[in-house]
Amino acid sequence: MIRFALIVVVSVVSIACDSATPDLPTSTPLAAAPTLRPDIACEIEHGMRLVEVTPPRYAGDDFHYRVERTGAMSKEDEAAIVKKCFALLPEDPPQTDEEVAAIYDRWLEERACLVRLGYAPDPAPPVEQFLVEWRTGPWSPVDGIDTRRWTTDEFKIAKNLCILEMLDFR
């Protein structure tokens, strides 16, 4: 365990000292970042670069990490590393109905935000239906919106204003 912690510390220090690494957001300096999750530490150990740590937006959520491949790394190598390292994460415990209902409430707020931006997402199902469908593919605030057609700016605006946590990939 000490050996693993030392590798993580050395990896993080070398990343922080790398002049090619962009600065982390001032709201979350690297020194204030939490202990890295096992998958993120693994990705860094395999040559990827930590470029951003964002604090959780909701109580009980995890920090959001943005890790990028380095210039010499192929997309195939990146995919293999991510797959290998993702396997290090423990399985999430099942969520209670109260936890899923809290997600539903947040997603209702995100849907309302999208409507304020001029989008017309599908209506939300009743919370009871959402609870039943949660584990099999629930409704999402972006249902009915072709997000694949969003420009980079449209995506950034929607993410910044509406959060859209279901579009977070890490």
Protein backbone atom coordinates (compact mmCIF):
# COMPACT_ATOMS: atom_id res chain seq x y z
CA MET A 1 0.00 0.00 0.00
CA ILE A 2 2.83 2.41 0.81
CA ARG A 3 4.44 1.54 -2.49
CA PHE A 4 1.18 2.31 -4.32
CA ALA A 5 0.76 5.61 -2.46
CA LEU A 6 4.35 6.56 -3.26
CA ILE A 7 3.80 5.84 -6.96
CA VAL A 8 0.66 8.00 -6.93
CA VAL A 9 2.44 10.86 -5.14
CA VAL A 10 5.43 10.67 -7.48
CA SER A 11 3.10 10.55 -10.50
CA VAL A 12 1.04 13.51 -9.31
CA VAL A 13 4.15 15.55 -8.43
CA SER A 14 5.71 14.85 -11.81
CA ILE A 15 2.49 15.89 -13.51
CA ALA A 16 2.25 19.07 -11.45
CA CYS A 17 5.83 19.94 -12.35
CA ASP A 18 5.46 19.21 -16.07
CA SER A 19 5.52 22.58 -17.80
CA ALA A 20 3.42 21.18 -20.67
CA THR A 21 0.58 20.34 -18.28
CA PRO A 22 -2.10 23.03 -18.17
CA ASP A 23 -2.81 24.59 -14.78
CA LEU A 24 -5.75 23.10 -12.92
CA PRO A 25 -8.69 25.40 -12.27
CA THR A 26 -7.93 27.84 -9.47
CA SER A 27 -11.00 26.62 -7.59
CA THR A 28 -9.41 23.20 -7.18
CA PRO A 29 -5.62 23.36 -7.03
CA LEU A 30 -3.90 20.00 -7.29
CA ALA A 31 -2.73 20.24 -3.68
CA ALA A 32 -6.37 20.48 -2.57
CA ALA A 33 -7.52 17.63 -4.80
CA PRO A 34 -8.68 14.46 -3.07
CA THR A 35 -6.80 11.20 -3.05
CA LEU A 36 -7.01 9.90 -6.58
CA ARG A 37 -9.43 7.10 -7.34
CA PRO A 38 -7.66 3.84 -8.25
CA ASP A 39 -8.65 4.08 -11.93
CA ILE A 40 -7.31 7.63 -12.29
CA ALA A 41 -4.05 6.76 -10.48
CA CYS A 42 -3.67 3.74 -12.78
CA GLU A 43 -4.20 5.86 -15.91
CA ILE A 44 -1.53 8.30 -14.73
CA GLU A 45 0.86 5.44 -13.94
CA HIS A 46 0.38 4.22 -17.52
CA GLY A 47 1.38 7.52 -19.08
CA MET A 48 -1.80 9.54 -19.21
CA ARG A 49 -1.94 13.09 -17.88
CA LEU A 50 -4.29 14.57 -15.27
CA VAL A 51 -5.41 17.95 -16.60
CA GLU A 52 -8.38 18.91 -14.43
CA VAL A 53 -10.00 18.09 -11.11
CA THR A 54 -13.46 19.53 -10.53
CA PRO A 55 -15.23 19.39 -7.17
CA PRO A 56 -18.54 17.53 -6.91
CA ARG A 57 -21.64 19.54 -7.76
CA TYR A 58 -23.91 17.58 -5.44
CA ALA A 59 -23.43 16.23 -1.93
CA GLY A 60 -22.35 12.60 -2.05
CA ASP A 61 -20.92 12.80 -5.56
CA ASP A 62 -17.28 12.21 -6.41
CA PHE A 63 -14.73 14.64 -7.80
CA HIS A 64 -14.65 14.77 -11.60
CA TYR A 65 -11.25 14.03 -13.16
CA ARG A 66 -10.22 14.85 -16.70
CA VAL A 67 -7.35 12.70 -17.88
CA GLU A 68 -5.90 12.94 -21.38
CA ARG A 69 -3.55 10.80 -23.38
CA THR A 70 -0.12 12.17 -24.05
CA GLY A 71 0.99 13.17 -27.54
CA ALA A 72 2.73 9.90 -28.40
CA MET A 73 -0.11 7.67 -27.16
CA SER A 74 -2.51 6.22 -29.75
CA LYS A 75 -6.27 6.19 -29.24
CA GLU A 76 -6.10 2.39 -29.11
CA ASP A 77 -3.48 2.53 -26.32
CA GLU A 78 -5.63 5.05 -24.45
CA ALA A 79 -8.70 2.82 -24.75
CA ALA A 80 -6.76 -0.21 -23.49
CA ILE A 81 -5.41 1.74 -20.51
CA VAL A 82 -8.84 3.14 -19.61
CA LYS A 83 -10.41 -0.33 -19.85
CA LYS A 84 -7.67 -1.92 -17.73
CA CYS A 85 -7.80 0.82 -15.11
CA PHE A 86 -11.61 1.03 -14.99
CA ALA A 87 -11.61 -2.59 -13.82
CA LEU A 88 -9.91 -1.41 -10.60
CA LEU A 89 -13.03 0.41 -9.43
CA PRO A 90 -15.20 -1.39 -6.93
CA GLU A 91 -18.77 -2.04 -7.99
CA ASP A 92 -21.13 0.70 -6.85
CA PRO A 93 -23.51 -0.36 -4.10
CA PRO A 94 -27.16 -0.45 -5.17
CA GLN A 95 -28.89 2.90 -4.77
CA THR A 96 -31.90 3.34 -2.54
CA ASP A 97 -35.18 4.65 -3.92
CA GLU A 98 -34.48 7.92 -2.05
CA GLU A 99 -31.10 8.30 -3.81
CA VAL A 100 -32.65 7.60 -7.22
CA ALA A 101 -35.49 10.05 -6.48
CA ALA A 102 -32.86 12.71 -5.67
CA ILE A 103 -31.30 12.10 -9.09
CA TYR A 104 -34.75 12.44 -10.67
CA ASP A 105 -35.25 15.79 -8.90
CA ARG A 106 -31.87 17.05 -10.13
CA TRP A 107 -32.66 15.91 -13.66
CA LEU A 108 -36.01 17.74 -13.56
CA GLU A 109 -34.04 20.93 -12.80
CA GLU A 110 -31.64 20.17 -15.68
CA ARG A 111 -34.59 19.60 -18.05
CA ALA A 112 -36.15 22.92 -16.98
CA CYS A 113 -32.82 24.63 -17.69
CA LEU A 114 -32.74 23.15 -21.21
CA VAL A 115 -36.29 24.43 -21.80
CA ARG A 116 -35.16 27.92 -20.70
CA LEU A 117 -32.36 27.66 -23.29
CA GLY A 118 -34.97 27.04 -26.00
CA TYR A 119 -34.76 23.25 -26.33
CA ALA A 120 -37.80 20.96 -26.30
CA PRO A 121 -36.80 17.79 -24.42
CA ASP A 122 -39.25 14.95 -23.94
CA PRO A 123 -41.54 15.28 -20.93
CA ALA A 124 -40.38 13.67 -17.71
CA PRO A 125 -42.13 10.47 -16.63
CA PRO A 126 -43.72 10.28 -13.18
CA VAL A 127 -41.15 9.63 -10.45
CA GLU A 128 -42.65 6.17 -9.83
CA GLN A 129 -41.93 5.16 -13.44
CA PHE A 130 -38.42 6.60 -13.22
CA LEU A 131 -37.73 4.53 -10.09
CA VAL A 132 -38.85 1.33 -11.86
CA GLU A 133 -36.87 2.07 -15.03
CA TRP A 134 -33.71 3.41 -13.34
CA ARG A 135 -31.69 0.21 -13.70
CA THR A 136 -32.85 -0.57 -17.25
CA GLY A 137 -32.33 2.77 -18.95
CA PRO A 138 -34.30 5.64 -17.48
CA TRP A 139 -35.56 8.85 -18.97
CA SER A 140 -32.93 11.57 -19.17
CA PRO A 141 -33.27 15.38 -19.42
CA VAL A 142 -31.70 15.34 -22.89
CA ASP A 143 -34.14 12.80 -24.32
CA GLY A 144 -35.75 14.29 -27.42
CA ILE A 145 -32.78 16.59 -28.12
CA ASP A 146 -30.27 15.58 -30.78
CA THR A 147 -27.18 16.46 -28.75
CA ARG A 148 -24.99 15.00 -31.51
CA ARG A 149 -25.83 18.08 -33.57
CA TRP A 150 -24.75 20.51 -30.88
CA THR A 151 -21.79 22.66 -31.73
CA THR A 152 -18.95 22.77 -29.23
CA ASP A 153 -20.24 26.14 -28.00
CA GLU A 154 -23.81 24.83 -27.61
CA PHE A 155 -22.50 21.87 -25.63
CA LYS A 156 -20.39 24.12 -23.37
CA ILE A 157 -23.28 26.51 -22.73
CA ALA A 158 -25.70 23.68 -21.91
CA LYS A 159 -23.15 21.93 -19.66
CA ASN A 160 -22.18 25.12 -17.83
CA LEU A 161 -25.73 26.36 -17.27
CA CYS A 162 -27.67 23.11 -16.90
CA ILE A 163 -24.99 20.72 -15.53
CA LEU A 164 -26.31 17.70 -17.52
CA GLU A 165 -24.51 15.21 -15.33
CA MET A 166 -25.61 12.34 -17.59
CA LEU A 167 -23.25 13.74 -20.23
CA ASP A 168 -20.21 13.40 -17.94
CA PHE A 169 -17.98 10.59 -19.10
CA ARG A 170 -15.64 10.32 -16.07
